[in-house]
C-alpha atoms as a PDB file:
ATOM      1  CA  MET A   1      97.605  88.356  78.254  1.00  0.00           C
ATOM      2  CA  THR A   2      98.596  86.689  81.269  1.00  0.00           C
ATOM      3  CA  LYS A   3     100.060  89.005  84.031  1.00  0.00           C
ATOM      4  CA  ARG A   4     103.691  88.971  85.584  1.00  0.00           C
ATOM      5  CA  ALA A   5     104.350  88.223  89.074  1.00  0.00           C
ATOM      6  CA  PRO A   6     106.416  90.459  91.339  1.00  0.00           C
ATOM      7  CA  LYS A   7     110.349  89.037  91.512  1.00  0.00           C
ATOM      8  CA  SER A   8     110.762  86.242  93.752  1.00  0.00           C
ATOM      9  CA  ASP A   9     113.098  86.792  96.623  1.00  0.00           C
ATOM     10  CA  PHE A  10     114.483  83.350  97.012  1.00  0.00           C
ATOM     11  CA  ASP A  11     117.514  84.218  99.409  1.00  0.00           C
ATOM     12  CA  THR A  12     115.060  85.283 102.837  1.00  0.00           C
ATOM     13  CA  ALA A  13     113.107  83.020 101.760  1.00  0.00           C
ATOM     14  CA  TRP A  14     115.660  80.246 101.586  1.00  0.00           C
ATOM     15  CA  LYS A  15     118.026  81.474 104.151  1.00  0.00           C
ATOM     16  CA  GLU A  16     115.021  81.874 107.086  1.00  0.00           C
ATOM     17  CA  LEU A  17     113.321  78.274 106.689  1.00  0.00           C
ATOM     18  CA  LEU A  18     117.132  77.043 106.925  1.00  0.00           C
ATOM     19  CA  GLN A  19     117.500  78.131 110.285  1.00  0.00           C
ATOM     20  CA  ARG A  20     114.453  77.474 111.301  1.00  0.00           C
ATOM     21  CA  HIS A  21     114.651  73.437 109.941  1.00  0.00           C
ATOM     22  CA  PHE A  22     117.871  72.782 109.764  1.00  0.00           C
ATOM     23  CA  GLU A  23     117.951  69.799 110.825  1.00  0.00           C
ATOM     24  CA  ALA A  24     115.563  68.743 109.045  1.00  0.00           C
ATOM     25  CA  ALA A  25     117.260  70.232 105.862  1.00  0.00           C
ATOM     26  CA  ILE A  26     119.959  68.002 106.264  1.00  0.00           C
ATOM     27  CA  ALA A  27     117.688  64.766 107.174  1.00  0.00           C
ATOM     28  CA  PHE A  28     116.008  65.626 103.366  1.00  0.00           C
ATOM     29  CA  PHE A  29     119.377  67.018 101.290  1.00  0.00           C
ATOM     30  CA  PHE A  30     121.992  65.274 102.769  1.00  0.00           C
ATOM     31  CA  PRO A  31     120.804  62.042 104.541  1.00  0.00           C
ATOM     32  CA  ALA A  32     124.566  59.958 105.299  1.00  0.00           C
ATOM     33  CA  VAL A  33     126.347  63.689 107.101  1.00  0.00           C
ATOM     34  CA  HIS A  34     122.247  63.919 108.555  1.00  0.00           C
ATOM     35  CA  SER A  35     123.149  60.286 110.320  1.00  0.00           C
ATOM     36  CA  GLU A  36     126.835  61.242 111.430  1.00  0.00           C
ATOM     37  CA  ILE A  37     124.971  64.506 113.701  1.00  0.00           C
ATOM     38  CA  ASP A  38     124.392  64.296 117.207  1.00  0.00           C
ATOM     39  CA  TRP A  39     121.172  65.654 116.883  1.00  0.00           C
ATOM     40  CA  ARG A  40     121.231  66.252 121.107  1.00  0.00           C
ATOM     41  CA  LYS A  41     122.580  68.526 120.600  1.00  0.00           C
ATOM     42  CA  ARG A  42     120.716  71.459 119.607  1.00  0.00           C
ATOM     43  CA  PRO A  43     122.837  72.967 116.761  1.00  0.00           C
ATOM     44  CA  SER A  44     124.502  76.632 116.964  1.00  0.00           C
ATOM     45  CA  PHE A  45     124.715  79.211 114.211  1.00  0.00           C
ATOM     46  CA  HIS A  46     126.982  81.880 114.013  1.00  0.00           C
ATOM     47  CA  ASP A  47     127.102  85.150 112.327  1.00  0.00           C
ATOM     48  CA  LYS A  48     129.465  87.199 112.773  1.00  0.00           C
ATOM     49  CA  GLU A  49     132.036  84.485 111.975  1.00  0.00           C
ATOM     50  CA  LEU A  50     130.519  83.019 108.651  1.00  0.00           C
ATOM     51  CA  GLN A  51     131.313  86.886 107.455  1.00  0.00           C
ATOM     52  CA  TYR A  52     134.556  87.106 108.298  1.00  0.00           C
ATOM     53  CA  ALA A  53     134.795  84.169 106.005  1.00  0.00           C
ATOM     54  CA  VAL A  54     132.720  85.429 103.218  1.00  0.00           C
ATOM     55  CA  ARG A  55     134.219  88.837 103.238  1.00  0.00           C
ATOM     56  CA  HIS A  56     137.628  86.952 103.334  1.00  0.00           C
ATOM     57  CA  ALA A  57     137.164  84.789 100.780  1.00  0.00           C
ATOM     58  CA  GLY A  58     135.834  87.594  98.581  1.00  0.00           C
ATOM     59  CA  ARG A  59     132.523  86.121  98.001  1.00  0.00           C
ATOM     60  CA  GLY A  60     130.934  88.912  95.458  1.00  0.00           C
ATOM     61  CA  LYS A  61     127.618  87.317  94.425  1.00  0.00           C
ATOM     62  CA  ARG A  62     124.349  87.479  96.587  1.00  0.00           C
ATOM     63  CA  THR A  63     123.623  83.326  97.429  1.00  0.00           C
ATOM     64  CA  VAL A  64     122.315  82.119 100.865  1.00  0.00           C
ATOM     65  CA  ASP A  65     125.159  81.470 103.590  1.00  0.00           C
ATOM     66  CA  LEU A  66     124.765  79.876 106.965  1.00  0.00           C
ATOM     67  CA  LEU A  67     127.608  78.902 109.283  1.00  0.00           C
ATOM     68  CA  ALA A  68     126.449  76.189 112.486  1.00  0.00           C
ATOM     69  CA  LYS A  69     128.604  74.487 114.822  1.00  0.00           C
ATOM     70  CA  VAL A  70     127.549  70.828 115.427  1.00  0.00           C
ATOM     71  CA  ARG A  71     128.421  67.716 117.443  1.00  0.00           C
ATOM     72  CA  LEU A  72     129.069  64.677 116.209  1.00  0.00           C
ATOM     73  CA  LYS A  73     127.958  60.562 117.125  1.00  0.00           C
ATOM     74  CA  ARG A  74     131.813  60.067 117.644  1.00  0.00           C
ATOM     75  CA  GLY A  75     132.252  63.067 119.607  1.00  0.00           C
ATOM     76  CA  ALA A  76     134.008  65.672 117.397  1.00  0.00           C
ATOM     77  CA  GLN A  77     132.803  69.217 116.952  1.00  0.00           C
ATOM     78  CA  VAL A  78     132.660  70.593 113.881  1.00  0.00           C
ATOM     79  CA  TRP A  79     131.608  73.238 111.604  1.00  0.00           C
ATOM     80  CA  ILE A  80     129.100  72.671 108.766  1.00  0.00           C
ATOM     81  CA  PHE A  81     129.119  75.076 105.740  1.00  0.00           C
ATOM     82  CA  LEU A  82     125.870  75.749 103.759  1.00  0.00           C
ATOM     83  CA  LEU A  83     125.880  77.635 100.559  1.00  0.00           C
ATOM     84  CA  VAL A  84     123.126  77.867  98.790  1.00  0.00           C
ATOM     85  CA  GLU A  85     122.997  78.462  95.522  1.00  0.00           C
ATOM     86  CA  VAL A  86     119.611  80.163  93.229  1.00  0.00           C
ATOM     87  CA  GLN A  87     120.934  82.766  90.840  1.00  0.00           C
ATOM     88  CA  ASN A  88     120.079  82.261  87.365  1.00  0.00           C
ATOM     89  CA  GLN A  89     123.413  81.988  86.252  1.00  0.00           C
ATOM     90  CA  ARG A  90     126.669  79.958  86.289  1.00  0.00           C
ATOM     91  CA  ASP A  91     128.890  81.108  89.056  1.00  0.00           C
ATOM     92  CA  PRO A  92     132.407  80.230  87.435  1.00  0.00           C
ATOM     93  CA  ASP A  93     133.940  80.748  90.724  1.00  0.00           C
ATOM     94  CA  PHE A  94     132.195  78.987  93.022  1.00  0.00           C
ATOM     95  CA  GLU A  95     133.799  76.153  93.630  1.00  0.00           C
ATOM     96  CA  GLU A  96     137.025  78.576  94.134  1.00  0.00           C
ATOM     97  CA  ARG A  97     134.712  80.448  96.690  1.00  0.00           C
ATOM     98  CA  LEU A  98     133.479  77.254  98.660  1.00  0.00           C
ATOM     99  CA  PHE A  99     136.882  76.100  99.179  1.00  0.00           C
ATOM    100  CA  GLY A 100     138.512  79.666 100.110  1.00  0.00           C
ATOM    101  CA  CYS A 101     135.648  79.950 103.224  1.00  0.00           C
ATOM    102  CA  ASN A 102     136.592  76.207 103.869  1.00  0.00           C
ATOM    103  CA  ALA A 103     139.664  76.922 104.412  1.00  0.00           C
ATOM    104  CA  LEU A 104     139.939  79.632 106.493  1.00  0.00           C
ATOM    105  CA  LEU A 105     137.092  78.637 108.653  1.00  0.00           C
ATOM    106  CA  SER A 106     139.362  75.340 109.401  1.00  0.00           C
ATOM    107  CA  ILE A 107     142.868  77.679 109.966  1.00  0.00           C
ATOM    108  CA  ARG A 108     140.667  80.438 111.664  1.00  0.00           C
ATOM    109  CA  HIS A 109     139.003  77.611 114.695  1.00  0.00           C
ATOM    110  CA  ARG A 110     141.472  74.253 113.735  1.00  0.00           C
ATOM    111  CA  GLN A 111     138.603  71.943 113.314  1.00  0.00           C
ATOM    112  CA  HIS A 112     137.208  70.595 110.668  1.00  0.00           C
ATOM    113  CA  VAL A 113     134.385  72.239 108.060  1.00  0.00           C
ATOM    114  CA  VAL A 114     132.244  70.555 105.953  1.00  0.00           C
ATOM    115  CA  SER A 115     131.010  72.280 103.469  1.00  0.00           C
ATOM    116  CA  LEU A 116     127.704  71.879 101.252  1.00  0.00           C
ATOM    117  CA  GLY A 117     126.022  73.464  98.751  1.00  0.00           C
ATOM    118  CA  ILE A 118     122.411  73.393  97.455  1.00  0.00           C
ATOM    119  CA  LEU A 119     121.945  74.297  93.957  1.00  0.00           C
ATOM    120  CA  GLY A 120     118.369  76.043  93.160  1.00  0.00           C
ATOM    121  CA  ASP A 121     119.079  76.710  89.951  1.00  0.00           C
ATOM    122  CA  THR A 122     117.776  76.364  85.573  1.00  0.00           C
ATOM    123  CA  GLN A 123     121.650  75.672  84.950  1.00  0.00           C
ATOM    124  CA  ARG A 124     120.876  71.784  84.223  1.00  0.00           C
ATOM    125  CA  HIS A 125     124.049  70.756  83.347  1.00  0.00           C
ATOM    126  CA  TRP A 126     126.462  73.035  86.016  1.00  0.00           C
ATOM    127  CA  ARG A 127     127.002  70.566  88.895  1.00  0.00           C
ATOM    128  CA  PRO A 128     130.033  71.859  90.454  1.00  0.00           C
ATOM    129  CA  ASN A 129     131.465  69.413  93.338  1.00  0.00           C
ATOM    130  CA  ARG A 130     135.644  69.850  93.216  1.00  0.00           C
ATOM    131  CA  PHE A 131     138.328  72.633  93.696  1.00  0.00           C
ATOM    132  CA  ALA A 132     141.728  71.448  92.167  1.00  0.00           C
ATOM    133  CA  ARG A 133     144.950  73.230  91.475  1.00  0.00           C
ATOM    134  CA  ALA A 134     148.191  70.935  90.684  1.00  0.00           C
ATOM    135  CA  ALA A 135     151.886  72.721  89.940  1.00  0.00           C
ATOM    136  CA  CYS A 136     155.198  71.763  90.868  1.00  0.00           C
ATOM    137  CA  GLY A 137     153.933  68.977  92.815  1.00  0.00           C
ATOM    138  CA  CYS A 138     152.360  70.691  95.036  1.00  0.00           C
ATOM    139  CA  GLU A 139     147.560  70.160  94.797  1.00  0.00           C
ATOM    140  CA  ILE A 140     145.007  70.319  96.346  1.00  0.00           C
ATOM    141  CA  ASP A 141     142.233  68.635  96.001  1.00  0.00           C
ATOM    142  CA  PHE A 142     138.636  69.697  97.888  1.00  0.00           C
ATOM    143  CA  ARG A 143     135.440  67.820  97.527  1.00  0.00           C
ATOM    144  CA  PHE A 144     132.446  68.890  98.636  1.00  0.00           C
ATOM    145  CA  ASN A 145     128.280  67.428  98.582  1.00  0.00           C
ATOM    146  CA  VAL A 146     126.071  69.713  96.364  1.00  0.00           C
ATOM    147  CA  VAL A 147     122.706  68.475  95.249  1.00  0.00           C
ATOM    148  CA  LYS A 148     121.241  69.863  92.232  1.00  0.00           C
ATOM    149  CA  LEU A 149     117.272  71.192  92.960  1.00  0.00           C
ATOM    150  CA  LEU A 150     115.517  70.562  89.194  1.00  0.00           C
ATOM    151  CA  ASP A 151     117.259  66.790  90.033  1.00  0.00           C
ATOM    152  CA  TYR A 152     113.529  66.247  91.047  1.00  0.00           C
ATOM    153  CA  GLU A 153     111.872  67.633  88.348  1.00  0.00           C
ATOM    154  CA  ASP A 154     110.574  64.107  87.348  1.00  0.00           C
ATOM    155  CA  ARG A 155     109.829  63.218  90.984  1.00  0.00           C
ATOM    156  CA  VAL A 156     107.323  65.290  91.348  1.00  0.00           C
ATOM    157  CA  ALA A 157     103.992  63.397  92.047  1.00  0.00           C
ATOM    158  CA  GLU A 158     106.707  62.112  95.160  1.00  0.00           C
ATOM    159  CA  LEU A 159     106.744  65.673  96.468  1.00  0.00           C
ATOM    160  CA  GLU A 160     103.452  66.398  96.166  1.00  0.00           C
ATOM    161  CA  GLN A 161     102.359  62.925  97.974  1.00  0.00           C
ATOM    162  CA  SER A 162     104.842  64.079 101.031  1.00  0.00           C
ATOM    163  CA  SER A 163     104.365  65.124 104.122  1.00  0.00           C
ATOM    164  CA  ASN A 164     107.981  66.126 104.465  1.00  0.00           C
ATOM    165  CA  LEU A 165     108.255  70.093 104.850  1.00  0.00           C
ATOM    166  CA  TRP A 166     111.094  70.392 102.590  1.00  0.00           C
ATOM    167  CA  ALA A 167     109.200  68.133  99.602  1.00  0.00           C
ATOM    168  CA  LYS A 168     107.012  71.075  99.413  1.00  0.00           C
ATOM    169  CA  VAL A 169     109.554  73.255  99.580  1.00  0.00           C
ATOM    170  CA  VAL A 170     111.451  71.704  96.750  1.00  0.00           C
ATOM    171  CA  LEU A 171     108.262  71.775  94.666  1.00  0.00           C
ATOM    172  CA  ALA A 172     107.273  74.950  95.119  1.00  0.00           C
ATOM    173  CA  HIS A 173     111.418  76.335  94.442  1.00  0.00           C
ATOM    174  CA  LEU A 174     110.979  74.629  91.008  1.00  0.00           C
ATOM    175  CA  LYS A 175     106.965  75.924  90.363  1.00  0.00           C
ATOM    176  CA  THR A 176     108.468  78.972  90.738  1.00  0.00           C
ATOM    177  CA  LEU A 177     111.013  79.043  88.542  1.00  0.00           C
ATOM    178  CA  ALA A 178     108.899  76.755  85.907  1.00  0.00           C
ATOM    179  CA  THR A 179     105.925  79.620  86.173  1.00  0.00           C
ATOM    180  CA  ARG A 180     107.782  82.690  85.600  1.00  0.00           C
ATOM    181  CA  PRO A 181     106.234  83.816  82.700  1.00  0.00           C
ATOM    182  CA  ASP A 182     102.986  83.089  83.944  1.00  0.00           C
ATOM    183  CA  SER A 183     101.078  83.607  87.597  1.00  0.00           C
ATOM    184  CA  GLU A 184      97.736  82.147  86.449  1.00  0.00           C
ATOM    185  CA  THR A 185      99.856  78.105  86.351  1.00  0.00           C
ATOM    186  CA  ARG A 186     102.068  79.364  89.904  1.00  0.00           C
ATOM    187  CA  LEU A 187      98.689  80.528  91.587  1.00  0.00           C
ATOM    188  CA  GLN A 188      97.353  77.253  90.806  1.00  0.00           C
ATOM    189  CA  TRP A 189     101.021  75.223  92.050  1.00  0.00           C
ATOM    190  CA  LYS A 190     100.752  77.458  94.872  1.00  0.00           C
ATOM    191  CA  LYS A 191      97.088  76.233  95.810  1.00  0.00           C
ATOM    192  CA  ARG A 192      97.740  73.109  95.887  1.00  0.00           C
ATOM    193  CA  VAL A 193     101.523  72.865  97.740  1.00  0.00           C
ATOM    194  CA  MET A 194      99.315  74.762 100.573  1.00  0.00           C
ATOM    195  CA  HIS A 195      96.330  72.189  99.991  1.00  0.00           C
ATOM    196  CA  GLY A 196      99.032  69.254 100.168  1.00  0.00           C
ATOM    197  CA  LEU A 197     100.329  70.623 103.665  1.00  0.00           C
ATOM    198  CA  ALA A 198      96.460  70.738 104.714  1.00  0.00           C
ATOM    199  CA  GLU A 199      95.838  67.463 103.777  1.00  0.00           C
ATOM    200  CA  GLN A 200      98.939  65.570 104.937  1.00  0.00           C
ATOM    201  CA  GLY A 201      98.785  66.406 108.879  1.00  0.00           C
ATOM    202  CA  CYS A 202     101.594  69.075 108.517  1.00  0.00           C
ATOM    203  CA  SER A 203     101.911  70.842 112.272  1.00  0.00           C
ATOM    204  CA  ASN A 204     100.378  74.747 112.209  1.00  0.00           C
ATOM    205  CA  ASP A 205     103.907  75.610 112.886  1.00  0.00           C
ATOM    206  CA  GLU A 206     105.797  73.647 109.739  1.00  0.00           C
ATOM    207  CA  ILE A 207     102.234  75.376 107.558  1.00  0.00           C
ATOM    208  CA  VAL A 208     102.500  78.813 108.214  1.00  0.00           C
ATOM    209  CA  ASP A 209     106.238  78.454 107.878  1.00  0.00           C
ATOM    210  CA  VAL A 210     105.915  77.143 104.389  1.00  0.00           C
ATOM    211  CA  PHE A 211     102.997  80.204 104.028  1.00  0.00           C
ATOM    212  CA  ARG A 212     106.178  82.035 104.636  1.00  0.00           C
ATOM    213  CA  PHE A 213     107.953  80.735 102.214  1.00  0.00           C
ATOM    214  CA  LEU A 214     105.697  80.246  99.187  1.00  0.00           C
ATOM    215  CA  ASP A 215     104.971  84.607  99.819  1.00  0.00           C
ATOM    216  CA  LEU A 216     107.756  85.452  99.380  1.00  0.00           C
ATOM    217  CA  VAL A 217     108.795  83.618  96.335  1.00  0.00           C
ATOM    218  CA  MET A 218     105.379  81.954  94.518  1.00  0.00           C
ATOM    219  CA  THR A 219     104.472  85.937  94.531  1.00  0.00           C
ATOM    220  CA  LEU A 220     101.669  86.588  92.684  1.00  0.00           C
ATOM    221  CA  PRO A 221      99.938  90.044  91.245  1.00  0.00           C
ATOM    222  CA  PRO A 222      97.536  91.588  93.241  1.00  0.00           C
ATOM    223  CA  ASP A 223      94.127  90.345  91.881  1.00  0.00           C
ATOM    224  CA  LEU A 224      95.241  86.706  92.007  1.00  0.00           C
ATOM    225  CA  GLU A 225      96.777  86.955  95.555  1.00  0.00           C
ATOM    226  CA  GLY A 226      93.540  88.235  96.713  1.00  0.00           C
ATOM    227  CA  GLU A 227      91.902  85.157  94.129  1.00  0.00           C
ATOM    228  CA  PHE A 228      95.125  82.791  96.126  1.00  0.00           C
ATOM    229  CA  GLN A 229      93.883  84.073 100.327  1.00  0.00           C
ATOM    230  CA  GLU A 230      90.389  84.167  99.886  1.00  0.00           C
ATOM    231  CA  TYR A 231      91.234  80.039  98.857  1.00  0.00           C
ATOM    232  CA  LEU A 232      93.052  79.882 101.456  1.00  0.00           C
ATOM    233  CA  ASP A 233      89.861  81.240 103.810  1.00  0.00           C
ATOM    234  CA  LYS A 234      87.771  78.062 102.133  1.00  0.00           C
ATOM    235  CA  LEU A 235      90.654  75.355 102.573  1.00  0.00           C
ATOM    236  CA  GLN A 236      90.849  76.353 106.502  1.00  0.00           C
ATOM    237  CA  GLU A 237      87.667  75.937 106.676  1.00  0.00           C
ATOM    238  CA  GLU A 238      87.474  72.873 104.751  1.00  0.00           C
ATOM    239  CA  GLN A 239      89.947  71.367 106.440  1.00  0.00           C
ATOM    240  CA  LYS A 240      88.411  72.629 110.284  1.00  0.00           C
ATOM    241  CA  MET A 241      91.790  74.018 110.854  1.00  0.00           C
ATOM    242  CA  ALA A 242      93.105  77.787 111.898  1.00  0.00           C
ATOM    243  CA  PHE A 243      96.662  77.721 110.961  1.00  0.00           C
ATOM    244  CA  LEU A 244      96.225  81.704 109.876  1.00  0.00           C
ATOM    245  CA  SER A 245      93.678  84.303 110.067  1.00  0.00           C
ATOM    246  CA  SER A 246      93.110  86.714 107.081  1.00  0.00           C
ATOM    247  CA  TYR A 247      94.811  89.148 109.187  1.00  0.00           C
ATOM    248  CA  GLU A 248      97.550  87.185 110.226  1.00  0.00           C
ATOM    249  CA  ARG A 249      98.116  86.558 106.426  1.00  0.00           C
ATOM    250  CA  LYS A 250      97.447  90.107 105.278  1.00  0.00           C
ATOM    251  CA  ALA A 251     100.281  91.570 108.420  1.00  0.00           C
ATOM    252  CA  MET A 252     102.920  88.989 107.380  1.00  0.00           C
ATOM    253  CA  SER A 253     103.188  90.871 103.480  1.00  0.00           C
ATOM    254  CA  LYS A 254     102.970  94.419 104.910  1.00  0.00           C
ATOM    255  CA  GLY A 255     105.978  93.437 107.279  1.00  0.00           C
ATOM    256  CA  ARG A 256     107.961  91.984 104.284  1.00  0.00           C
ATOM    257  CA  ARG A 257     107.554  94.577 102.627  1.00  0.00           C
ATOM    258  CA  GLU A 258     108.203  97.115 105.187  1.00  0.00           C
ATOM    259  CA  GLY A 259     111.233  94.394 106.448  1.00  0.00           C
ATOM    260  CA  ARG A 260     113.501  94.477 103.187  1.00  0.00           C
ATOM    261  CA  VAL A 261     113.244  98.413 102.835  1.00  0.00           C
ATOM    262  CA  GLU A 262     114.587  98.550 106.824  1.00  0.00           C
ATOM    263  CA  GLY A 263     117.157  94.916 105.923  1.00  0.00           C
ATOM    264  CA  ARG A 264     118.782  97.686 102.907  1.00  0.00           C
ATOM    265  CA  LEU A 265     119.226 100.221 104.742  1.00  0.00           C
ATOM    266  CA  GLU A 266     120.788  98.491 107.637  1.00  0.00           C
ATOM    267  CA  ALA A 267     122.696  96.790 105.363  1.00  0.00           C
ATOM    268  CA  SER A 268     124.120 100.103 103.848  1.00  0.00           C
ATOM    269  CA  GLN A 269     124.369 100.991 107.174  1.00  0.00           C
ATOM    270  CA  SER A 270     126.551  98.376 108.134  1.00  0.00           C
ATOM    271  CA  ALA A 271     128.645  98.936 104.752  1.00  0.00           C
ATOM    272  CA  VAL A 272     129.741 102.682 106.176  1.00  0.00           C
ATOM    273  CA  MET A 273     130.472 101.367 109.398  1.00  0.00           C
ATOM    274  CA  GLY A 274     132.493  98.646 108.057  1.00  0.00           C
ATOM    275  CA  ALA A 275     133.996 100.635 105.686  1.00  0.00           C
ATOM    276  CA  LEU A 276     135.306 103.332 108.657  1.00  0.00           C
ATOM    277  CA  GLN A 277     136.868 100.148 110.266  1.00  0.00           C
ATOM    278  CA  ALA A 278     138.573  98.987 107.924  1.00  0.00           C
ATOM    279  CA  ARG A 279     140.258 102.022 107.430  1.00  0.00           C
ATOM    280  CA  PHE A 280     140.787 103.902 110.266  1.00  0.00           C
ATOM    281  CA  GLU A 281     140.429 100.466 112.957  1.00  0.00           C
ATOM    282  CA  ARG A 282     137.676 102.325 115.172  1.00  0.00           C
ATOM    283  CA  THR A 283     134.056 103.446 114.869  1.00  0.00           C
ATOM    284  CA  PRO A 284     133.329 105.609 118.051  1.00  0.00           C
ATOM    285  CA  ALA A 285     129.789 104.635 119.724  1.00  0.00           C
ATOM    286  CA  ALA A 286     128.672 108.498 118.548  1.00  0.00           C
ATOM    287  CA  LEU A 287     129.482 108.387 115.369  1.00  0.00           C
ATOM    288  CA  GLN A 288     127.808 104.774 114.933  1.00  0.00           C
ATOM    289  CA  ALA A 289     124.612 106.296 116.732  1.00  0.00           C
ATOM    290  CA  ARG A 290     124.079 108.694 114.074  1.00  0.00           C
ATOM    291  CA  ILE A 291     125.074 106.499 111.093  1.00  0.00           C
ATOM    292  CA  ARG A 292     122.324 104.153 112.416  1.00  0.00           C
ATOM    293  CA  GLN A 293     119.596 107.769 112.506  1.00  0.00           C
ATOM    294  CA  LEU A 294     119.557 107.912 108.908  1.00  0.00           C
ATOM    295  CA  ASP A 295     117.317 106.229 106.632  1.00  0.00           C
ATOM    296  CA  ASP A 296     118.340 108.211 103.768  1.00  0.00           C
ATOM    297  CA  PRO A 297     119.715 105.069 100.937  1.00  0.00           C
ATOM    298  CA  ALA A 298     121.252 107.447  98.975  1.00  0.00           C
ATOM    299  CA  ARG A 299     122.944 109.231 102.016  1.00  0.00           C
ATOM    300  CA  LEU A 300     123.840 105.974 103.089  1.00  0.00           C
ATOM    301  CA  MET A 301     125.686 105.097  99.290  1.00  0.00           C
ATOM    302  CA  GLY A 302     126.870 109.045  99.235  1.00  0.00           C
ATOM    303  CA  LEU A 303     128.683 108.489 102.723  1.00  0.00           C
ATOM    304  CA  LEU A 304     130.248 104.361 101.490  1.00  0.00           C
ATOM    305  CA  GLN A 305     131.746 106.532  99.019  1.00  0.00           C
ATOM    306  CA  ILE A 306     133.253 109.302 101.193  1.00  0.00           C
ATOM    307  CA  ALA A 307     134.488 106.531 103.855  1.00  0.00           C
ATOM    308  CA  VAL A 308     136.137 104.740 101.055  1.00  0.00           C
ATOM    309  CA  THR A 309     138.235 108.232  99.676  1.00  0.00           C
ATOM    310  CA  ALA A 310     138.820 110.041 103.354  1.00  0.00           C
ATOM    311  CA  ASN A 311     141.749 110.949 104.715  1.00  0.00           C
ATOM    312  CA  SER A 312     141.028 110.228 108.109  1.00  0.00           C
ATOM    313  CA  LEU A 313     137.903 109.916 110.744  1.00  0.00           C
ATOM    314  CA  GLU A 314     137.782 113.738 111.277  1.00  0.00           C
ATOM    315  CA  GLU A 315     137.445 114.483 107.788  1.00  0.00           C
ATOM    316  CA  PHE A 316     134.300 112.199 107.358  1.00  0.00           C
ATOM    317  CA  GLU A 317     132.434 113.135 110.055  1.00  0.00           C
ATOM    318  CA  LYS A 318     132.258 117.009 109.060  1.00  0.00           C
ATOM    319  CA  GLN A 319     130.240 115.162 106.286  1.00  0.00           C
END
């Protein structure tokens, strides 16, 4: 019986790679948008502004959001709001939430916001690209660009032959979805993606970045992961390359496991402090320090409930 692979972490994998290879992503997925941007000026990323828009637009689902400020060739500055939707279920509120983020950012900064979407789900006929409402002669008609990764399914040979980093990412994403019940087949595709990177002259940095993506997405049971690591050692020897030592690979995987736990703790700590700030409009530095020292998820969840129901900050501090 074929063993099942551990759960893939699409969100972290996409977020990391998009920030490191943002221009290449826009060029690959949205070439018309890419051609209008002056890439001589480095894009700047704005997580705090993104959190503001997402929070106030009522975004409830886990998705990958990225907000960057770029300069167009004609001189104007614009914001690019990029949303990667990797959920398996159709989201009936997707269009409205994308519109909400666009409107909030546009009003807040009085600048144009370009909204883009990458759909990595498995619902072939779900292709949202418009939010429209009309009543009593008042109309909203918001349109945005999206790409559907499933559209690349019949271009696997092209993706394999391409030396473009994002072609390999799309291939890995699609084959992860296709091999969810079959770890043996996933192992073979994971090997093929890495072999293609090495054969087609990708840089060491690109190979390492795609390996990180594969490590999070094309997950394997321990025995098959061990086989993959042995394959990488052999591949590096054959290609006379040294993109990752076995020690570095083990350290990276260990760091990912620890980082996931740490990330959940940080999110819980931030949720408690955010609730206090929203309710009482202040969170003393000493109290913030105490909250950041907590490393018990259950304790933090309890404090979040108290933060929402406490009558005063003083009442919360007694807990």
